[in-house]
Amino acid sequence: MSDFDEDLNNPSNKLPRKLGDKVQKVITLYHPRTCREKGLFWASGLLLVTYLVIATVLSFWWDIKPDMFDTDRNALVIDLRNLLEQR
């Protein structure tokens, strides 16, 4: 048995293979031939679902608040740099 065959039989390698199969299945959904075969309503539904997923992910991402900017500390750092440069 070759190393390649042993890798295929390893249970830890089944997850990436299953994930790869699912990714391949999703990719085929967006192929123009699939959209033509399924019809206009199906393609419109796929477009709507895609938009909703992207909008939901972006809304969660844009909802994350950035760290607060401490203006007093930043002004102090700039003043100290200017003081050191003058010497």
Foldseek 3Di string as FASTA:
>chain_A
DDPVVVCVVDPVNVVVVVVVVVVVVVVVCPDVVNDVVVDDVSVVVVVVVVVVVVVVVVVVVVPDDDDDDDPVVVVVVVVVVVVVVVD
